[in-house]
Amino acid sequence: MPRAAPDPNSDLIADKWILSVSKEGEFVAFRPFGWTGPEPHERVTAETRDALLAKLRYRSPRESGLQ
């Protein structure tokens, strides 16, 4: 069985964000329990998963590895 290609977003979200979908169908990212970085109660929302990931990339170049 071929191995799946690594998710290019894994460095963006791993240990930094929990992604979920609300009851209303909105995509949500929030900080994991015990987050000690800035804004531990931060929450980012978008209408699609791609839009949510784009917001996360845009808001934090250091977290997305674009710096």
N, C-alpha and C. Protein backbone atom coordinates (compact mmCIF):
# COMPACT_ATOMS: atom_id res chain seq x y z
N MET A 1 0.85 -1.18 0.00
CA MET A 1 0.00 0.00 0.00
C MET A 1 0.89 1.24 0.00
N PRO A 2 0.69 2.17 -0.94
CA PRO A 2 1.51 3.37 -0.99
C PRO A 2 1.26 4.27 0.22
N ARG A 3 2.30 4.93 0.64
CA ARG A 3 2.19 5.86 1.77
C ARG A 3 1.55 7.16 1.31
N ALA A 4 0.73 7.71 2.17
CA ALA A 4 0.09 9.00 1.86
C ALA A 4 1.15 10.11 1.91
N ALA A 5 1.00 11.06 1.04
CA ALA A 5 1.91 12.20 1.05
C ALA A 5 1.70 12.99 2.34
N PRO A 6 2.78 13.55 2.89
CA PRO A 6 2.62 14.33 4.12
C PRO A 6 1.72 15.54 3.88
N ASP A 7 0.92 15.86 4.87
CA ASP A 7 0.02 17.02 4.77
C ASP A 7 0.85 18.29 4.86
N PRO A 8 0.81 19.16 3.85
CA PRO A 8 1.61 20.39 3.89
C PRO A 8 1.15 21.35 5.00
N ASN A 9 -0.03 21.12 5.55
CA ASN A 9 -0.53 21.98 6.61
C ASN A 9 -0.16 21.48 8.00
N SER A 10 0.49 20.32 8.08
CA SER A 10 0.77 19.75 9.40
C SER A 10 1.65 20.67 10.25
N ASP A 11 2.64 21.32 9.66
CA ASP A 11 3.48 22.24 10.44
C ASP A 11 2.71 23.47 10.88
N LEU A 12 1.70 23.83 10.12
CA LEU A 12 0.88 24.99 10.46
C LEU A 12 0.00 24.73 11.67
N ILE A 13 -0.57 23.52 11.77
CA ILE A 13 -1.55 23.27 12.82
C ILE A 13 -1.05 22.37 13.95
N ALA A 14 -0.05 21.53 13.71
CA ALA A 14 0.40 20.58 14.72
C ALA A 14 0.79 21.26 16.02
N ASP A 15 0.17 20.85 17.10
CA ASP A 15 0.43 21.37 18.45
C ASP A 15 0.11 22.86 18.61
N LYS A 16 -0.52 23.47 17.61
CA LYS A 16 -0.82 24.90 17.67
C LYS A 16 -2.30 25.19 17.57
N TRP A 17 -3.03 24.36 16.83
CA TRP A 17 -4.45 24.59 16.59
C TRP A 17 -5.21 23.27 16.63
N ILE A 18 -6.46 23.34 17.05
CA ILE A 18 -7.39 22.22 16.92
C ILE A 18 -8.43 22.68 15.92
N LEU A 19 -8.63 21.89 14.87
CA LEU A 19 -9.61 22.25 13.84
C LEU A 19 -10.89 21.47 14.08
N SER A 20 -12.02 22.14 13.89
CA SER A 20 -13.31 21.53 14.13
C SER A 20 -14.34 22.17 13.21
N VAL A 21 -15.54 21.60 13.22
CA VAL A 21 -16.67 22.17 12.48
C VAL A 21 -17.80 22.36 13.48
N SER A 22 -18.35 23.57 13.52
CA SER A 22 -19.43 23.87 14.46
C SER A 22 -20.74 23.23 13.99
N LYS A 23 -21.74 23.25 14.85
CA LYS A 23 -23.07 22.71 14.49
C LYS A 23 -23.65 23.42 13.28
N GLU A 24 -23.28 24.68 13.12
CA GLU A 24 -23.79 25.48 12.01
C GLU A 24 -23.01 25.24 10.72
N GLY A 25 -21.97 24.40 10.75
CA GLY A 25 -21.20 24.10 9.57
C GLY A 25 -20.02 25.04 9.34
N GLU A 26 -19.72 25.88 10.31
CA GLU A 26 -18.60 26.82 10.21
C GLU A 26 -17.33 26.11 10.65
N PHE A 27 -16.24 26.32 9.92
CA PHE A 27 -14.95 25.72 10.28
C PHE A 27 -14.29 26.60 11.33
N VAL A 28 -13.77 25.95 12.37
CA VAL A 28 -13.24 26.67 13.54
C VAL A 28 -11.86 26.13 13.90
N ALA A 29 -10.95 27.04 14.25
CA ALA A 29 -9.64 26.66 14.79
C ALA A 29 -9.52 27.32 16.16
N PHE A 30 -9.11 26.54 17.14
CA PHE A 30 -8.88 27.11 18.47
C PHE A 30 -7.64 26.48 19.06
N ARG A 31 -7.09 27.14 20.07
CA ARG A 31 -5.84 26.70 20.69
C ARG A 31 -6.08 25.45 21.54
N PRO A 32 -5.10 24.54 21.57
CA PRO A 32 -5.25 23.33 22.38
C PRO A 32 -5.23 23.64 23.87
N PHE A 33 -5.81 22.75 24.65
CA PHE A 33 -5.81 22.88 26.10
C PHE A 33 -4.36 22.97 26.58
N GLY A 34 -4.09 23.91 27.47
CA GLY A 34 -2.74 24.08 28.00
C GLY A 34 -1.82 24.94 27.14
N TRP A 35 -2.35 25.55 26.09
CA TRP A 35 -1.54 26.41 25.21
C TRP A 35 -0.91 27.51 26.04
N THR A 36 0.40 27.67 25.95
CA THR A 36 1.09 28.69 26.74
C THR A 36 1.59 29.84 25.89
N GLY A 37 1.28 29.81 24.61
CA GLY A 37 1.68 30.90 23.72
C GLY A 37 0.74 32.07 23.85
N PRO A 38 0.86 33.02 22.94
CA PRO A 38 -0.02 34.20 23.00
C PRO A 38 -1.49 33.81 22.78
N GLU A 39 -2.37 34.54 23.41
CA GLU A 39 -3.82 34.40 23.25
C GLU A 39 -4.31 32.96 23.34
N PRO A 40 -4.29 32.36 24.53
CA PRO A 40 -4.69 30.96 24.67
C PRO A 40 -6.16 30.69 24.35
N HIS A 41 -7.00 31.71 24.34
CA HIS A 41 -8.43 31.51 24.05
C HIS A 41 -8.80 31.98 22.64
N GLU A 42 -7.79 32.15 21.81
CA GLU A 42 -8.00 32.61 20.44
C GLU A 42 -8.84 31.60 19.66
N ARG A 43 -9.70 32.13 18.79
CA ARG A 43 -10.58 31.31 17.97
C ARG A 43 -10.66 31.97 16.59
N VAL A 44 -10.47 31.18 15.55
CA VAL A 44 -10.52 31.68 14.17
C VAL A 44 -11.60 30.88 13.45
N THR A 45 -12.45 31.55 12.67
CA THR A 45 -13.53 30.88 11.97
C THR A 45 -13.52 31.22 10.48
N ALA A 46 -14.10 30.34 9.68
CA ALA A 46 -14.22 30.55 8.23
C ALA A 46 -15.32 29.65 7.70
N GLU A 47 -15.78 29.94 6.48
CA GLU A 47 -16.85 29.15 5.88
C GLU A 47 -16.37 27.85 5.26
N THR A 48 -15.08 27.76 4.90
CA THR A 48 -14.53 26.54 4.33
C THR A 48 -13.21 26.19 5.01
N ARG A 49 -12.79 24.94 4.87
CA ARG A 49 -11.51 24.52 5.46
C ARG A 49 -10.36 25.27 4.81
N ASP A 50 -10.41 25.41 3.48
CA ASP A 50 -9.33 26.13 2.79
C ASP A 50 -9.24 27.57 3.25
N ALA A 51 -10.39 28.22 3.44
CA ALA A 51 -10.40 29.60 3.91
C ALA A 51 -9.84 29.69 5.34
N LEU A 52 -10.16 28.71 6.17
CA LEU A 52 -9.64 28.69 7.54
C LEU A 52 -8.12 28.55 7.53
N LEU A 53 -7.61 27.62 6.74
CA LEU A 53 -6.16 27.44 6.67
C LEU A 53 -5.48 28.69 6.11
N ALA A 54 -6.11 29.35 5.14
CA ALA A 54 -5.54 30.59 4.60
C ALA A 54 -5.48 31.67 5.68
N LYS A 55 -6.52 31.77 6.50
CA LYS A 55 -6.50 32.74 7.60
C LYS A 55 -5.39 32.44 8.59
N LEU A 56 -5.20 31.17 8.90
CA LEU A 56 -4.15 30.79 9.85
C LEU A 56 -2.77 31.10 9.27
N ARG A 57 -2.58 30.84 7.98
CA ARG A 57 -1.30 31.16 7.34
C ARG A 57 -1.04 32.66 7.34
N TYR A 58 -2.06 33.43 7.02
CA TYR A 58 -1.92 34.89 6.92
C TYR A 58 -1.65 35.54 8.27
N ARG A 59 -2.34 35.08 9.32
CA ARG A 59 -2.25 35.74 10.62
C ARG A 59 -0.95 35.45 11.34
N SER A 60 -0.25 34.41 10.96
CA SER A 60 0.96 34.08 11.68
C SER A 60 2.03 33.49 10.77
N PRO A 61 2.78 34.33 10.08
CA PRO A 61 3.83 33.80 9.20
C PRO A 61 4.84 32.92 9.95
N ARG A 62 5.14 33.24 11.19
CA ARG A 62 6.10 32.42 11.93
C ARG A 62 5.57 31.01 12.12
N GLU A 63 4.28 30.84 12.41
CA GLU A 63 3.71 29.52 12.62
C GLU A 63 3.62 28.73 11.34
N SER A 64 3.47 29.40 10.21
CA SER A 64 3.32 28.67 8.95
C SER A 64 4.67 28.40 8.29
N GLY A 65 5.75 28.86 8.90
CA GLY A 65 7.08 28.62 8.35
C GLY A 65 7.43 29.49 7.16
N LEU A 66 6.71 30.59 6.98
CA LEU A 66 6.95 31.46 5.83
C LEU A 66 7.93 32.60 6.13
N GLN A 67 8.41 32.67 7.31
CA GLN A 67 9.28 33.78 7.68
C GLN A 67 10.68 33.60 7.18
